[in-house]
Protein backbone atom coordinates (compact mmCIF):
# COMPACT_ATOMS: atom_id res chain seq x y z
CA MET A 1 -11.24 200.16 -149.70
CA GLU A 2 -13.94 201.35 -146.98
CA ASP A 3 -16.11 197.84 -147.56
CA THR A 4 -12.54 196.47 -146.90
CA ILE A 5 -12.64 198.31 -143.31
CA ASP A 6 -16.26 197.02 -142.47
CA PHE A 7 -15.84 193.53 -143.65
CA ARG A 8 -13.21 193.86 -141.22
CA GLN A 9 -14.87 194.92 -138.47
CA LEU A 10 -17.66 192.50 -139.46
CA ALA A 11 -15.62 189.94 -138.34
CA LYS A 12 -14.13 190.85 -135.37
CA MET A 13 -17.20 191.50 -133.71
CA LEU A 14 -18.63 187.56 -134.85
CA TYR A 15 -14.78 186.33 -133.20
CA ARG A 16 -15.59 189.04 -129.85
CA ARG A 17 -18.50 187.53 -129.68
CA LEU A 18 -18.42 183.83 -130.77
CA PHE A 19 -19.07 182.25 -127.48
CA LEU A 20 -22.33 183.68 -127.23
CA ILE A 21 -23.36 182.15 -130.80
CA LEU A 22 -22.07 179.42 -130.93
CA SER A 23 -24.45 178.95 -127.28
CA PHE A 24 -26.97 179.69 -129.13
CA VAL A 25 -26.62 177.19 -131.86
CA ILE A 26 -25.84 174.80 -129.24
CA ILE A 27 -29.05 175.17 -127.55
CA ALA A 28 -31.62 175.48 -130.01
CA GLY A 29 -30.31 172.59 -132.13
CA GLY A 30 -30.39 170.54 -128.93
CA LEU A 31 -33.62 171.30 -128.34
CA ALA A 32 -35.15 171.19 -131.41
CA ALA A 33 -33.70 167.42 -131.48
CA LEU A 34 -35.42 166.95 -127.94
CA ILE A 35 -38.78 168.22 -128.72
CA SER A 36 -38.38 165.94 -132.30
CA VAL A 37 -37.27 162.91 -129.99
CA PHE A 38 -39.62 163.06 -127.10
CA PHE A 39 -41.80 164.62 -127.05
CA MET A 40 -44.01 164.45 -130.95
CA LYS A 41 -45.74 162.05 -131.40
CA PRO A 42 -44.14 159.49 -134.49
CA ILE A 43 -46.40 159.61 -137.22
CA TYR A 44 -46.86 157.16 -140.00
CA ALA A 45 -47.37 156.35 -143.30
CA ALA A 46 -48.84 153.62 -145.62
CA GLU A 47 -49.44 153.92 -149.91
CA THR A 48 -51.73 152.33 -151.89
CA GLN A 49 -51.37 152.49 -155.82
CA LEU A 50 -54.30 152.51 -158.22
CA LEU A 51 -53.39 151.78 -161.99
CA ILE A 52 -55.60 153.96 -164.63
CA ASN A 53 -56.72 151.20 -167.11
CA GLU A 54 -56.62 152.65 -170.97
CA LYS A 55 -59.34 151.38 -172.95
CA LYS A 56 -58.99 151.73 -176.32
CA ILE A 57 -61.89 151.98 -178.68
CA GLU A 58 -61.51 150.99 -181.87
CA GLY A 59 -61.06 152.74 -184.50
CA GLU A 60 -60.16 155.73 -182.38
CA ASP A 61 -57.04 157.56 -183.14
CA ARG A 62 -54.13 157.96 -179.47
CA SER A 63 -53.64 161.49 -180.61
CA PRO A 64 -51.94 164.04 -178.26
CA GLU A 65 -55.41 165.03 -177.38
CA THR A 66 -56.64 162.15 -176.66
CA PHE A 67 -53.82 161.82 -174.36
CA GLU A 68 -54.15 164.96 -172.92
CA ARG A 69 -58.02 163.74 -172.03
CA ASP A 70 -56.77 160.91 -169.96
CA LEU A 71 -54.47 162.85 -167.68
CA GLN A 72 -57.54 165.45 -167.08
CA LEU A 73 -59.09 162.11 -166.66
CA ILE A 74 -57.00 161.14 -163.52
CA ASN A 75 -56.65 164.50 -162.59
CA THR A 76 -60.61 164.54 -161.47
CA TYR A 77 -59.88 160.78 -160.23
CA ASN A 78 -57.85 162.78 -157.92
CA ILE A 79 -60.26 164.89 -156.79
CA ILE A 80 -62.56 162.66 -155.90
CA ILE A 81 -60.51 160.36 -154.01
CA LYS A 82 -60.73 162.89 -151.50
CA SER A 83 -64.20 164.08 -151.64
CA PRO A 84 -67.27 162.99 -149.23
CA ALA A 85 -68.51 160.19 -151.91
CA VAL A 86 -65.38 157.98 -150.53
CA ILE A 87 -63.79 160.14 -147.44
CA ASP A 88 -67.55 160.15 -145.96
CA VAL A 89 -67.53 155.73 -146.93
CA VAL A 90 -64.56 154.96 -146.02
CA ILE A 91 -65.69 156.34 -142.24
CA ALA A 92 -68.68 154.21 -142.13
CA ASP A 93 -67.18 151.43 -142.76
CA LEU A 94 -64.23 151.50 -140.73
CA GLN A 95 -66.00 153.57 -138.39
CA LEU A 96 -63.69 155.90 -137.82
CA GLU A 97 -63.10 158.22 -134.83
CA MET A 98 -63.10 161.16 -136.92
CA ASP A 99 -64.33 163.61 -139.04
CA PHE A 100 -64.35 163.85 -142.85
CA GLU A 101 -61.39 166.91 -141.95
CA THR A 102 -59.47 165.65 -140.25
CA LEU A 103 -59.12 162.45 -142.54
CA VAL A 104 -58.72 164.22 -145.45
CA SER A 105 -55.31 166.26 -143.66
CA LYS A 106 -54.20 162.55 -143.65
CA ILE A 107 -54.69 161.84 -147.00
CA SER A 108 -52.10 163.08 -150.47
CA VAL A 109 -52.58 161.78 -153.44
CA THR A 110 -50.52 162.28 -156.24
CA ASN A 111 -49.39 160.17 -159.20
CA GLU A 112 -46.18 160.23 -161.85
CA GLU A 113 -45.94 163.04 -164.84
CA ASN A 114 -47.39 161.23 -168.06
CA SER A 115 -48.39 158.61 -165.57
CA ARG A 116 -51.74 156.53 -164.95
CA VAL A 117 -50.54 155.10 -161.38
CA VAL A 118 -51.48 157.96 -159.09
CA ASN A 119 -50.14 157.07 -155.03
CA ILE A 120 -52.54 157.44 -152.23
CA GLN A 121 -50.34 157.49 -148.63
CA VAL A 122 -52.08 157.95 -145.77
CA GLU A 123 -50.38 159.24 -142.30
CA ASP A 124 -51.49 158.52 -139.28
CA GLU A 125 -49.82 157.91 -135.44
CA ASP A 126 -51.01 154.24 -135.34
CA PRO A 127 -48.83 152.27 -138.43
CA GLU A 128 -51.90 149.94 -138.46
CA GLN A 129 -54.29 151.49 -138.77
CA ALA A 130 -52.67 154.00 -141.74
CA VAL A 131 -52.29 150.85 -143.79
CA ILE A 132 -56.44 150.18 -142.93
CA ILE A 133 -57.88 153.14 -144.32
CA ALA A 134 -55.17 153.26 -147.73
CA ASN A 135 -56.39 150.28 -148.45
CA SER A 136 -60.20 150.61 -147.78
CA ILE A 137 -59.55 154.57 -149.78
CA ALA A 138 -58.34 152.15 -152.87
CA GLU A 139 -61.42 149.75 -152.36
CA VAL A 140 -64.23 152.35 -151.98
CA PHE A 141 -62.99 154.15 -154.82
CA LYS A 142 -63.06 151.81 -156.81
CA ALA A 143 -66.31 150.70 -155.93
CA GLU A 144 -67.89 153.89 -156.15
CA ILE A 145 -65.97 155.67 -158.99
CA PRO A 146 -68.82 152.99 -161.75
CA LEU A 147 -71.10 154.95 -160.04
CA LEU A 148 -69.89 158.36 -159.95
CA MET A 149 -68.40 158.34 -164.05
CA SER A 150 -70.28 155.17 -165.28
CA ILE A 151 -66.75 153.89 -166.26
CA ASP A 152 -64.92 150.51 -164.89
CA ASN A 153 -61.22 151.16 -165.38
CA ILE A 154 -59.41 151.09 -161.74
CA ASN A 155 -57.08 148.48 -161.22
CA ILE A 156 -55.54 148.03 -157.44
CA LEU A 157 -51.85 147.83 -158.28
CA SER A 158 -50.83 147.03 -154.94
CA VAL A 159 -51.53 147.73 -151.47
CA ALA A 160 -50.78 148.76 -148.05
CA LYS A 161 -48.60 146.41 -146.32
CA MET A 162 -47.81 146.30 -142.03
CA SER A 163 -44.06 146.15 -142.12
CA GLU A 164 -43.27 144.28 -139.22
CA ASN A 165 -40.59 147.55 -137.81
CA PRO A 166 -42.60 150.18 -139.34
CA ILE A 167 -40.08 153.52 -138.76
CA PRO A 168 -42.11 157.07 -138.68
CA VAL A 169 -41.99 159.35 -141.45
CA LYS A 170 -42.54 161.94 -138.90
CA PRO A 171 -40.72 163.83 -137.24
CA ASN A 172 -37.54 164.20 -138.94
CA VAL A 173 -35.54 164.58 -136.11
CA ILE A 174 -32.44 165.27 -138.76
CA LEU A 175 -34.38 168.33 -140.73
CA ASN A 176 -35.70 169.53 -137.15
CA SER A 177 -32.48 169.65 -135.76
CA VAL A 178 -31.43 171.59 -138.62
CA ILE A 179 -33.60 174.02 -139.26
CA GLY A 180 -33.10 174.40 -134.72
CA VAL A 181 -29.44 175.15 -135.63
CA PHE A 182 -29.95 178.14 -138.30
CA VAL A 183 -32.63 179.22 -135.99
CA GLY A 184 -30.02 179.65 -133.11
CA LEU A 185 -27.15 180.85 -135.41
CA LEU A 186 -30.06 183.94 -136.67
CA VAL A 187 -31.16 184.66 -133.08
CA GLY A 188 -27.17 184.86 -132.02
CA VAL A 189 -26.20 186.93 -134.82
CA GLY A 190 -29.04 188.81 -134.52
CA LEU A 191 -28.40 189.45 -130.68
CA ALA A 192 -24.43 190.29 -130.93
CA PHE A 193 -25.37 192.71 -133.35
CA PHE A 194 -27.62 193.91 -131.19
CA ILE A 195 -25.12 194.17 -127.85
CA GLU A 196 -22.73 195.58 -130.23
CA THR A 197 -24.58 198.24 -131.61
CA PHE A 198 -25.71 199.66 -128.28
CA ASP A 199 -21.95 198.77 -126.16
CA SER A 200 -20.32 202.03 -125.90
CA THR A 201 -16.96 201.30 -123.78
CA ILE A 202 -13.75 201.80 -125.13
CA LYS A 203 -12.08 198.74 -125.92
CA GLY A 204 -8.87 199.87 -127.98
CA GLU A 205 -7.24 202.32 -129.90
CA GLU A 206 -9.61 201.74 -132.85
CA ASP A 207 -12.19 202.99 -130.62
CA VAL A 208 -10.69 205.55 -129.59
CA GLU A 209 -9.84 207.37 -132.36
CA GLU A 210 -13.63 206.87 -133.10
CA PHE A 211 -14.47 208.37 -130.39
CA LEU A 212 -12.52 211.84 -130.84
CA GLN A 213 -12.03 211.62 -134.75
CA LEU A 214 -8.50 212.16 -133.97
CA PRO A 215 -5.57 210.50 -134.81
CA ILE A 216 -3.72 208.03 -132.71
CA LEU A 217 0.13 209.45 -132.29
CA GLY A 218 1.26 206.66 -130.12
CA LEU A 219 0.53 204.32 -127.11
CA ILE A 220 1.67 203.24 -123.57
CA SER A 221 2.17 199.49 -123.76
CA SER A 222 1.90 197.68 -120.35
CA ILE A 223 4.42 195.64 -118.58
CA PRO A 224 4.16 192.31 -117.66
CA LYS A 225 3.80 191.14 -114.72
CA GLU A 226 7.10 189.07 -114.52
CA MET A 227 9.35 192.63 -115.57
CA ASP A 228 7.43 194.54 -112.92
CA ILE A 229 8.84 192.42 -109.98
CA ASN A 230 12.04 192.65 -111.46
CA PHE A 231 12.00 196.31 -111.45
CA SER A 232 10.79 196.46 -108.01
CA GLU A 233 13.30 194.10 -106.91
CA ASN A 234 15.86 196.30 -108.39
CA SER A 235 15.24 199.43 -107.41
CA TYR A 236 14.70 198.33 -103.75
CA MET A 237 17.82 196.71 -103.93
CA LYS A 238 19.63 200.05 -105.38
CA SER A 239 17.24 202.23 -102.65
CA GLY A 240 18.55 199.39 -99.62
CA ARG A 241 22.45 199.82 -100.61
CA ARG A 242 21.96 203.91 -100.77
CA ILE A 243 20.45 203.81 -97.12
CA GLY A 244 22.63 201.44 -95.70
CA ASP A 245 25.84 203.79 -97.74
CA GLY A 246 24.58 206.71 -95.62
CA LYS A 247 24.30 204.97 -92.47
CA LYS A 248 27.92 204.05 -92.56
CA GLU A 249 28.70 208.01 -93.65
CA ILE A 250 26.89 209.53 -91.04
CA GLU A 251 28.18 206.96 -88.23
């Protein structure tokens, strides 16, 4: 029963501070959207795919151990793609004005589970440069891998292409707005709790009962304004009649 009462008090508190909470939610969500649209630079992505060919040796049985070895080899390729052996060559060939760490932070290498297709994605503020870098990484990796591992089983499955109307992948305005709304909600609720905790003013009979630790025996209701005016007028009329009657008797 006490938990129910506490829950009702909590709900009443949130309702009393609803305007404050909604204000923070609207302001935080709006600021997040404005910052995402007008202050954050758009980031574009370009992707190319590499196919790791399966070279079957005559008389070799494709056992589960062999398949696992191929997948481990793909993981090795993923590491090599973001290694200085490839990235430094790309920077030199394209004459990029960025260092190794900066370029690596723009690159993500992934592959689907149990798949020999490797995806290379490059993010950049310039969509055309993202396309050029992605294709250059694929070409350099294909050229360098025979020298690094004495194998030649890499094919470029698809190249990155420049779209007529490139769409940025970052910032995500909707996601940022939702995060802003959530943060605003947390701040608003937290501030509402803070205000209620240090607010010692008495707002109703429940506060009086809690403050005095005594049961309430009765309430004095306030008189509506219209009834108060009518009551005053009636009292005045009665008083006037009595005064008039008194004057007549004196005369």
